[in-house]
Amino acid sequence: MKNRKPPLRMCVGCREMKDKKELIRVVRTTDGTVEIDPTGKQNGRGAYICSTQCLEKTRKKNLLGRALNHPVDDTVYEKLLEQLHDGGVD
């Protein structure tokens, strides 16, 4: 059996390619809501964040909103910050 390469995704903050498992996915669903996708498999347009520094940068420059082509509510940023602190990604 061949060893498969881990799927890589780009963080919208630092623009670095990282293993998908290291990142948190935010998705704009087909009904137009923006939410965190813990499974990484939800339908819709996705964007990835790797750390609290990148989250701050995306919030200041609206990078997440641009990546999703949709405005992002402050509650989404707060949930992301909690998840980054709780998950120990940072």
PDB file of N, CA and C in Angstrom:
ATOM      1  N   MET A   1       0.833  -1.181   0.000  1.00  0.00           N
ATOM      2  CA  MET A   1       0.000   0.000   0.000  1.00  0.00           C
ATOM      3  C   MET A   1       0.881   1.249   0.000  1.00  0.00           C
ATOM      4  N   LYS A   2       0.556   2.203  -0.819  1.00  0.00           N
ATOM      5  CA  LYS A   2       1.347   3.422  -0.924  1.00  0.00           C
ATOM      6  C   LYS A   2       1.026   4.381   0.221  1.00  0.00           C
ATOM      7  N   ASN A   3       2.050   5.115   0.651  1.00  0.00           N
ATOM      8  CA  ASN A   3       1.825   6.178   1.632  1.00  0.00           C
ATOM      9  C   ASN A   3       1.296   7.391   0.896  1.00  0.00           C
ATOM     10  N   ARG A   4       0.150   7.858   1.322  1.00  0.00           N
ATOM     11  CA  ARG A   4      -0.443   9.031   0.680  1.00  0.00           C
ATOM     12  C   ARG A   4       0.049  10.294   1.362  1.00  0.00           C
ATOM     13  N   LYS A   5       0.220  11.323   0.565  1.00  0.00           N
ATOM     14  CA  LYS A   5       0.598  12.621   1.121  1.00  0.00           C
ATOM     15  C   LYS A   5      -0.599  13.196   1.865  1.00  0.00           C
ATOM     16  N   PRO A   6      -0.354  13.867   2.997  1.00  0.00           N
ATOM     17  CA  PRO A   6      -1.475  14.495   3.699  1.00  0.00           C
ATOM     18  C   PRO A   6      -2.014  15.664   2.882  1.00  0.00           C
ATOM     19  N   PRO A   7      -3.337  15.886   2.906  1.00  0.00           N
ATOM     20  CA  PRO A   7      -3.884  17.017   2.141  1.00  0.00           C
ATOM     21  C   PRO A   7      -3.413  18.340   2.733  1.00  0.00           C
ATOM     22  N   LEU A   8      -2.955  19.225   1.868  1.00  0.00           N
ATOM     23  CA  LEU A   8      -2.468  20.540   2.292  1.00  0.00           C
ATOM     24  C   LEU A   8      -3.486  21.607   1.942  1.00  0.00           C
ATOM     25  N   ARG A   9      -3.603  22.595   2.830  1.00  0.00           N
ATOM     26  CA  ARG A   9      -4.477  23.733   2.593  1.00  0.00           C
ATOM     27  C   ARG A   9      -3.722  25.003   2.985  1.00  0.00           C
ATOM     28  N   MET A  10      -4.142  26.134   2.421  1.00  0.00           N
ATOM     29  CA  MET A  10      -3.473  27.402   2.693  1.00  0.00           C
ATOM     30  C   MET A  10      -4.223  28.193   3.756  1.00  0.00           C
ATOM     31  N   CYS A  11      -3.495  28.682   4.736  1.00  0.00           N
ATOM     32  CA  CYS A  11      -4.060  29.563   5.756  1.00  0.00           C
ATOM     33  C   CYS A  11      -4.280  30.933   5.114  1.00  0.00           C
ATOM     34  N   VAL A  12      -5.460  31.532   5.347  1.00  0.00           N
ATOM     35  CA  VAL A  12      -5.739  32.832   4.736  1.00  0.00           C
ATOM     36  C   VAL A  12      -4.950  33.957   5.387  1.00  0.00           C
ATOM     37  N   GLY A  13      -4.437  33.744   6.598  1.00  0.00           N
ATOM     38  CA  GLY A  13      -3.673  34.782   7.295  1.00  0.00           C
ATOM     39  C   GLY A  13      -2.229  34.853   6.856  1.00  0.00           C
ATOM     40  N   CYS A  14      -1.508  33.719   6.998  1.00  0.00           N
ATOM     41  CA  CYS A  14      -0.076  33.717   6.690  1.00  0.00           C
ATOM     42  C   CYS A  14       0.223  33.202   5.280  1.00  0.00           C
ATOM     43  N   ARG A  15      -0.791  32.671   4.598  1.00  0.00           N
ATOM     44  CA  ARG A  15      -0.673  32.152   3.225  1.00  0.00           C
ATOM     45  C   ARG A  15       0.319  30.992   3.134  1.00  0.00           C
ATOM     46  N   GLU A  16       0.523  30.252   4.216  1.00  0.00           N
ATOM     47  CA  GLU A  16       1.397  29.086   4.209  1.00  0.00           C
ATOM     48  C   GLU A  16       0.580  27.823   3.995  1.00  0.00           C
ATOM     49  N   MET A  17       1.157  26.889   3.251  1.00  0.00           N
ATOM     50  CA  MET A  17       0.520  25.594   3.048  1.00  0.00           C
ATOM     51  C   MET A  17       0.818  24.726   4.264  1.00  0.00           C
ATOM     52  N   LYS A  18      -0.229  24.173   4.866  1.00  0.00           N
ATOM     53  CA  LYS A  18      -0.079  23.331   6.044  1.00  0.00           C
ATOM     54  C   LYS A  18      -0.985  22.123   5.920  1.00  0.00           C
ATOM     55  N   ASP A  19      -0.705  21.122   6.748  1.00  0.00           N
ATOM     56  CA  ASP A  19      -1.542  19.934   6.791  1.00  0.00           C
ATOM     57  C   ASP A  19      -2.959  20.338   7.188  1.00  0.00           C
ATOM     58  N   LYS A  20      -3.937  19.796   6.494  1.00  0.00           N
ATOM     59  CA  LYS A  20      -5.341  20.149   6.729  1.00  0.00           C
ATOM     60  C   LYS A  20      -5.751  19.927   8.188  1.00  0.00           C
ATOM     61  N   LYS A  21      -5.175  18.929   8.841  1.00  0.00           N
ATOM     62  CA  LYS A  21      -5.528  18.607  10.220  1.00  0.00           C
ATOM     63  C   LYS A  21      -5.042  19.663  11.212  1.00  0.00           C
ATOM     64  N   GLU A  22      -4.067  20.468  10.830  1.00  0.00           N
ATOM     65  CA  GLU A  22      -3.528  21.514  11.709  1.00  0.00           C
ATOM     66  C   GLU A  22      -4.358  22.799  11.649  1.00  0.00           C
ATOM     67  N   LEU A  23      -5.254  22.893  10.693  1.00  0.00           N
ATOM     68  CA  LEU A  23      -6.000  24.123  10.446  1.00  0.00           C
ATOM     69  C   LEU A  23      -7.456  23.998  10.883  1.00  0.00           C
ATOM     70  N   ILE A  24      -8.082  25.138  11.110  1.00  0.00           N
ATOM     71  CA  ILE A  24      -9.513  25.184  11.405  1.00  0.00           C
ATOM     72  C   ILE A  24     -10.215  25.712  10.156  1.00  0.00           C
ATOM     73  N   ARG A  25     -11.247  24.991   9.725  1.00  0.00           N
ATOM     74  CA  ARG A  25     -11.980  25.378   8.516  1.00  0.00           C
ATOM     75  C   ARG A  25     -13.200  26.215   8.882  1.00  0.00           C
ATOM     76  N   VAL A  26     -13.367  27.301   8.142  1.00  0.00           N
ATOM     77  CA  VAL A  26     -14.565  28.137   8.229  1.00  0.00           C
ATOM     78  C   VAL A  26     -15.252  28.012   6.882  1.00  0.00           C
ATOM     79  N   VAL A  27     -16.555  27.816   6.898  1.00  0.00           N
ATOM     80  CA  VAL A  27     -17.278  27.564   5.657  1.00  0.00           C
ATOM     81  C   VAL A  27     -18.461  28.517   5.503  1.00  0.00           C
ATOM     82  N   ARG A  28     -18.664  28.974   4.267  1.00  0.00           N
ATOM     83  CA  ARG A  28     -19.892  29.692   3.919  1.00  0.00           C
ATOM     84  C   ARG A  28     -20.796  28.641   3.305  1.00  0.00           C
ATOM     85  N   THR A  29     -21.863  28.313   4.016  1.00  0.00           N
ATOM     86  CA  THR A  29     -22.754  27.246   3.568  1.00  0.00           C
ATOM     87  C   THR A  29     -23.574  27.683   2.366  1.00  0.00           C
ATOM     88  N   THR A  30     -24.255  26.719   1.778  1.00  0.00           N
ATOM     89  CA  THR A  30     -25.054  27.011   0.585  1.00  0.00           C
ATOM     90  C   THR A  30     -26.219  27.939   0.884  1.00  0.00           C
ATOM     91  N   ASP A  31     -26.658  27.999   2.168  1.00  0.00           N
ATOM     92  CA  ASP A  31     -27.751  28.931   2.504  1.00  0.00           C
ATOM     93  C   ASP A  31     -27.236  30.308   2.921  1.00  0.00           C
ATOM     94  N   GLY A  32     -25.909  30.530   2.858  1.00  0.00           N
ATOM     95  CA  GLY A  32     -25.338  31.861   3.067  1.00  0.00           C
ATOM     96  C   GLY A  32     -24.869  32.164   4.471  1.00  0.00           C
ATOM     97  N   THR A  33     -24.855  31.193   5.364  1.00  0.00           N
ATOM     98  CA  THR A  33     -24.347  31.447   6.716  1.00  0.00           C
ATOM     99  C   THR A  33     -22.868  31.084   6.785  1.00  0.00           C
ATOM    100  N   VAL A  34     -22.143  31.763   7.667  1.00  0.00           N
ATOM    101  CA  VAL A  34     -20.725  31.486   7.868  1.00  0.00           C
ATOM    102  C   VAL A  34     -20.580  30.812   9.221  1.00  0.00           C
ATOM    103  N   GLU A  35     -19.938  29.629   9.235  1.00  0.00           N
ATOM    104  CA  GLU A  35     -19.777  28.897  10.485  1.00  0.00           C
ATOM    105  C   GLU A  35     -18.490  28.080  10.468  1.00  0.00           C
ATOM    106  N   ILE A  36     -18.096  27.616  11.651  1.00  0.00           N
ATOM    107  CA  ILE A  36     -16.910  26.783  11.781  1.00  0.00           C
ATOM    108  C   ILE A  36     -17.285  25.356  11.398  1.00  0.00           C
ATOM    109  N   ASP A  37     -16.419  24.709  10.652  1.00  0.00           N
ATOM    110  CA  ASP A  37     -16.668  23.345  10.190  1.00  0.00           C
ATOM    111  C   ASP A  37     -15.678  22.395  10.866  1.00  0.00           C
ATOM    112  N   PRO A  38     -16.071  21.781  11.990  1.00  0.00           N
ATOM    113  CA  PRO A  38     -15.135  20.893  12.691  1.00  0.00           C
ATOM    114  C   PRO A  38     -14.819  19.607  11.922  1.00  0.00           C
ATOM    115  N   THR A  39     -15.727  19.164  11.055  1.00  0.00           N
ATOM    116  CA  THR A  39     -15.499  17.929  10.306  1.00  0.00           C
ATOM    117  C   THR A  39     -14.609  18.160   9.086  1.00  0.00           C
ATOM    118  N   GLY A  40     -14.638  19.374   8.546  1.00  0.00           N
ATOM    119  CA  GLY A  40     -13.865  19.670   7.344  1.00  0.00           C
ATOM    120  C   GLY A  40     -14.519  19.150   6.076  1.00  0.00           C
ATOM    121  N   LYS A  41     -15.772  18.705   6.177  1.00  0.00           N
ATOM    122  CA  LYS A  41     -16.439  18.094   5.024  1.00  0.00           C
ATOM    123  C   LYS A  41     -17.771  18.753   4.671  1.00  0.00           C
ATOM    124  N   GLN A  42     -18.105  19.828   5.346  1.00  0.00           N
ATOM    125  CA  GLN A  42     -19.383  20.490   5.104  1.00  0.00           C
ATOM    126  C   GLN A  42     -19.400  21.120   3.720  1.00  0.00           C
ATOM    127  N   ASN A  43     -20.548  21.087   3.068  1.00  0.00           N
ATOM    128  CA  ASN A  43     -20.692  21.690   1.745  1.00  0.00           C
ATOM    129  C   ASN A  43     -20.607  23.203   1.837  1.00  0.00           C
ATOM    130  N   GLY A  44     -19.949  23.807   0.865  1.00  0.00           N
ATOM    131  CA  GLY A  44     -19.849  25.258   0.803  1.00  0.00           C
ATOM    132  C   GLY A  44     -18.419  25.692   0.542  1.00  0.00           C
ATOM    133  N   ARG A  45     -18.228  27.003   0.472  1.00  0.00           N
ATOM    134  CA  ARG A  45     -16.899  27.563   0.219  1.00  0.00           C
ATOM    135  C   ARG A  45     -16.148  27.645   1.540  1.00  0.00           C
ATOM    136  N   GLY A  46     -14.934  27.110   1.571  1.00  0.00           N
ATOM    137  CA  GLY A  46     -14.170  27.063   2.804  1.00  0.00           C
ATOM    138  C   GLY A  46     -12.927  27.922   2.787  1.00  0.00           C
ATOM    139  N   ALA A  47     -12.484  28.273   3.984  1.00  0.00           N
ATOM    140  CA  ALA A  47     -11.228  28.994   4.194  1.00  0.00           C
ATOM    141  C   ALA A  47     -10.629  28.454   5.485  1.00  0.00           C
ATOM    142  N   TYR A  48      -9.309  28.536   5.606  1.00  0.00           N
ATOM    143  CA  TYR A  48      -8.617  27.916   6.733  1.00  0.00           C
ATOM    144  C   TYR A  48      -7.804  28.926   7.527  1.00  0.00           C
ATOM    145  N   ILE A  49      -7.732  28.701   8.860  1.00  0.00           N
ATOM    146  CA  ILE A  49      -6.973  29.546   9.785  1.00  0.00           C
ATOM    147  C   ILE A  49      -6.066  28.630  10.599  1.00  0.00           C
ATOM    148  N   CYS A  50      -4.808  29.074  10.857  1.00  0.00           N
ATOM    149  CA  CYS A  50      -3.882  28.208  11.592  1.00  0.00           C
ATOM    150  C   CYS A  50      -3.596  28.665  13.020  1.00  0.00           C
ATOM    151  N   SER A  51      -3.661  29.961  13.309  1.00  0.00           N
ATOM    152  CA  SER A  51      -3.253  30.425  14.636  1.00  0.00           C
ATOM    153  C   SER A  51      -3.992  31.709  15.018  1.00  0.00           C
ATOM    154  N   THR A  52      -3.809  32.109  16.276  1.00  0.00           N
ATOM    155  CA  THR A  52      -4.458  33.350  16.736  1.00  0.00           C
ATOM    156  C   THR A  52      -3.864  34.578  16.043  1.00  0.00           C
ATOM    157  N   GLN A  53      -2.562  34.542  15.736  1.00  0.00           N
ATOM    158  CA  GLN A  53      -1.947  35.670  15.017  1.00  0.00           C
ATOM    159  C   GLN A  53      -2.582  35.820  13.637  1.00  0.00           C
ATOM    160  N   CYS A  54      -2.793  34.706  12.968  1.00  0.00           N
ATOM    161  CA  CYS A  54      -3.417  34.755  11.647  1.00  0.00           C
ATOM    162  C   CYS A  54      -4.870  35.191  11.746  1.00  0.00           C
ATOM    163  N   LEU A  55      -5.547  34.783  12.820  1.00  0.00           N
ATOM    164  CA  LEU A  55      -6.934  35.194  13.026  1.00  0.00           C
ATOM    165  C   LEU A  55      -7.027  36.707  13.203  1.00  0.00           C
ATOM    166  N   GLU A  56      -6.108  37.287  13.984  1.00  0.00           N
ATOM    167  CA  GLU A  56      -6.094  38.738  14.178  1.00  0.00           C
ATOM    168  C   GLU A  56      -5.840  39.461  12.859  1.00  0.00           C
ATOM    169  N   LYS A  57      -4.911  38.934  12.078  1.00  0.00           N
ATOM    170  CA  LYS A  57      -4.579  39.547  10.787  1.00  0.00           C
ATOM    171  C   LYS A  57      -5.774  39.479   9.837  1.00  0.00           C
ATOM    172  N   THR A  58      -6.458  38.322   9.807  1.00  0.00           N
ATOM    173  CA  THR A  58      -7.612  38.187   8.911  1.00  0.00           C
ATOM    174  C   THR A  58      -8.754  39.096   9.338  1.00  0.00           C
ATOM    175  N   ARG A  59      -8.886  39.303  10.645  1.00  0.00           N
ATOM    176  CA  ARG A  59      -9.956  40.172  11.142  1.00  0.00           C
ATOM    177  C   ARG A  59      -9.692  41.629  10.776  1.00  0.00           C
ATOM    178  N   LYS A  60      -8.432  42.072  10.938  1.00  0.00           N
ATOM    179  CA  LYS A  60      -8.081  43.463  10.625  1.00  0.00           C
ATOM    180  C   LYS A  60      -8.246  43.777   9.143  1.00  0.00           C
ATOM    181  N   LYS A  61      -7.812  42.841   8.297  1.00  0.00           N
ATOM    182  CA  LYS A  61      -7.806  43.083   6.850  1.00  0.00           C
ATOM    183  C   LYS A  61      -9.002  42.474   6.118  1.00  0.00           C
ATOM    184  N   ASN A  62      -9.947  41.891   6.871  1.00  0.00           N
ATOM    185  CA  ASN A  62     -11.124  41.235   6.296  1.00  0.00           C
ATOM    186  C   ASN A  62     -10.752  40.147   5.285  1.00  0.00           C
ATOM    187  N   LEU A  63      -9.682  39.430   5.554  1.00  0.00           N
ATOM    188  CA  LEU A  63      -9.233  38.388   4.634  1.00  0.00           C
ATOM    189  C   LEU A  63     -10.189  37.202   4.599  1.00  0.00           C
ATOM    190  N   LEU A  64     -10.774  36.882   5.743  1.00  0.00           N
ATOM    191  CA  LEU A  64     -11.717  35.763   5.797  1.00  0.00           C
ATOM    192  C   LEU A  64     -12.980  36.085   5.003  1.00  0.00           C
ATOM    193  N   GLY A  65     -13.465  37.292   5.148  1.00  0.00           N
ATOM    194  CA  GLY A  65     -14.642  37.723   4.386  1.00  0.00           C
ATOM    195  C   GLY A  65     -14.392  37.711   2.886  1.00  0.00           C
ATOM    196  N   ARG A  66     -13.194  38.119   2.495  1.00  0.00           N
ATOM    197  CA  ARG A  66     -12.846  38.102   1.067  1.00  0.00           C
ATOM    198  C   ARG A  66     -12.712  36.686   0.540  1.00  0.00           C
ATOM    199  N   ALA A  67     -12.112  35.808   1.344  1.00  0.00           N
ATOM    200  CA  ALA A  67     -11.921  34.422   0.911  1.00  0.00           C
ATOM    201  C   ALA A  67     -13.262  33.703   0.749  1.00  0.00           C
ATOM    202  N   LEU A  68     -14.233  34.060   1.600  1.00  0.00           N
ATOM    203  CA  LEU A  68     -15.544  33.413   1.542  1.00  0.00           C
ATOM    204  C   LEU A  68     -16.542  34.164   0.673  1.00  0.00           C
ATOM    205  N   ASN A  69     -16.161  35.338   0.168  1.00  0.00           N
ATOM    206  CA  ASN A  69     -17.061  36.190  -0.623  1.00  0.00           C
ATOM    207  C   ASN A  69     -18.348  36.475   0.140  1.00  0.00           C
ATOM    208  N   HIS A  70     -18.209  36.752   1.437  1.00  0.00           N
ATOM    209  CA  HIS A  70     -19.373  36.981   2.290  1.00  0.00           C
ATOM    210  C   HIS A  70     -18.903  37.678   3.567  1.00  0.00           C
ATOM    211  N   PRO A  71     -19.688  38.620   4.112  1.00  0.00           N
ATOM    212  CA  PRO A  71     -19.278  39.260   5.374  1.00  0.00           C
ATOM    213  C   PRO A  71     -19.272  38.246   6.522  1.00  0.00           C
ATOM    214  N   VAL A  72     -18.290  38.377   7.423  1.00  0.00           N
ATOM    215  CA  VAL A  72     -18.155  37.457   8.547  1.00  0.00           C
ATOM    216  C   VAL A  72     -18.526  38.192   9.832  1.00  0.00           C
ATOM    217  N   ASP A  73     -19.432  37.605  10.590  1.00  0.00           N
ATOM    218  CA  ASP A  73     -19.929  38.199  11.832  1.00  0.00           C
ATOM    219  C   ASP A  73     -18.887  38.084  12.940  1.00  0.00           C
ATOM    220  N   ASP A  74     -18.909  39.010  13.893  1.00  0.00           N
ATOM    221  CA  ASP A  74     -17.966  38.992  15.015  1.00  0.00           C
ATOM    222  C   ASP A  74     -18.077  37.727  15.851  1.00  0.00           C
ATOM    223  N   THR A  75     -19.273  37.141  15.941  1.00  0.00           N
ATOM    224  CA  THR A  75     -19.437  35.917  16.739  1.00  0.00           C
ATOM    225  C   THR A  75     -18.616  34.762  16.156  1.00  0.00           C
ATOM    226  N   VAL A  76     -18.456  34.734  14.848  1.00  0.00           N
ATOM    227  CA  VAL A  76     -17.638  33.690  14.216  1.00  0.00           C
ATOM    228  C   VAL A  76     -16.182  33.854  14.640  1.00  0.00           C
ATOM    229  N   TYR A  77     -15.691  35.103  14.654  1.00  0.00           N
ATOM    230  CA  TYR A  77     -14.315  35.357  15.088  1.00  0.00           C
ATOM    231  C   TYR A  77     -14.113  34.963  16.549  1.00  0.00           C
ATOM    232  N   GLU A  78     -15.112  35.240  17.389  1.00  0.00           N
ATOM    233  CA  GLU A  78     -15.006  34.889  18.802  1.00  0.00           C
ATOM    234  C   GLU A  78     -14.965  33.371  18.988  1.00  0.00           C
ATOM    235  N   LYS A  79     -15.809  32.650  18.245  1.00  0.00           N
ATOM    236  CA  LYS A  79     -15.814  31.185  18.320  1.00  0.00           C
ATOM    237  C   LYS A  79     -14.484  30.617  17.821  1.00  0.00           C
ATOM    238  N   LEU A  80     -13.945  31.208  16.769  1.00  0.00           N
ATOM    239  CA  LEU A  80     -12.649  30.767  16.248  1.00  0.00           C
ATOM    240  C   LEU A  80     -11.541  30.972  17.283  1.00  0.00           C
ATOM    241  N   LEU A  81     -11.563  32.120  17.939  1.00  0.00           N
ATOM    242  CA  LEU A  81     -10.563  32.417  18.964  1.00  0.00           C
ATOM    243  C   LEU A  81     -10.645  31.409  20.107  1.00  0.00           C
ATOM    244  N   GLU A  82     -11.873  31.097  20.551  1.00  0.00           N
ATOM    245  CA  GLU A  82     -12.057  30.089  21.598  1.00  0.00           C
ATOM    246  C   GLU A  82     -11.511  28.739  21.161  1.00  0.00           C
ATOM    247  N   GLN A  83     -11.831  28.357  19.943  1.00  0.00           N
ATOM    248  CA  GLN A  83     -11.402  27.056  19.441  1.00  0.00           C
ATOM    249  C   GLN A  83      -9.883  26.980  19.304  1.00  0.00           C
ATOM    250  N   LEU A  84      -9.253  28.067  18.886  1.00  0.00           N
ATOM    251  CA  LEU A  84      -7.799  28.082  18.775  1.00  0.00           C
ATOM    252  C   LEU A  84      -7.146  27.964  20.144  1.00  0.00           C
ATOM    253  N   HIS A  85      -7.717  28.628  21.152  1.00  0.00           N
ATOM    254  CA  HIS A  85      -7.175  28.536  22.508  1.00  0.00           C
ATOM    255  C   HIS A  85      -7.425  27.159  23.114  1.00  0.00           C
ATOM    256  N   ASP A  86      -8.629  26.627  22.949  1.00  0.00           N
ATOM    257  CA  ASP A  86      -8.979  25.330  23.515  1.00  0.00           C
ATOM    258  C   ASP A  86      -8.243  24.186  22.828  1.00  0.00           C
ATOM    259  N   GLY A  87      -8.109  24.294  21.505  1.00  0.00           N
ATOM    260  CA  GLY A  87      -7.476  23.216  20.752  1.00  0.00           C
ATOM    261  C   GLY A  87      -5.971  23.181  20.870  1.00  0.00           C
ATOM    262  N   GLY A  88      -5.380  24.239  21.327  1.00  0.00           N
ATOM    263  CA  GLY A  88      -3.932  24.281  21.473  1.00  0.00           C
ATOM    264  C   GLY A  88      -3.191  24.334  20.151  1.00  0.00           C
ATOM    265  N   VAL A  89      -3.847  24.824  19.103  1.00  0.00           N
ATOM    266  CA  VAL A  89      -3.209  24.928  17.792  1.00  0.00           C
ATOM    267  C   VAL A  89      -2.117  25.970  17.822  1.00  0.00           C
ATOM    268  N   ASP A  90      -2.348  27.050  18.570  1.00  0.00           N
ATOM    269  CA  ASP A  90      -1.407  28.162  18.619  1.00  0.00           C
ATOM    270  C   ASP A  90      -0.182  27.878  19.451  1.00  0.00           C
TER     271      ASP A  90
END
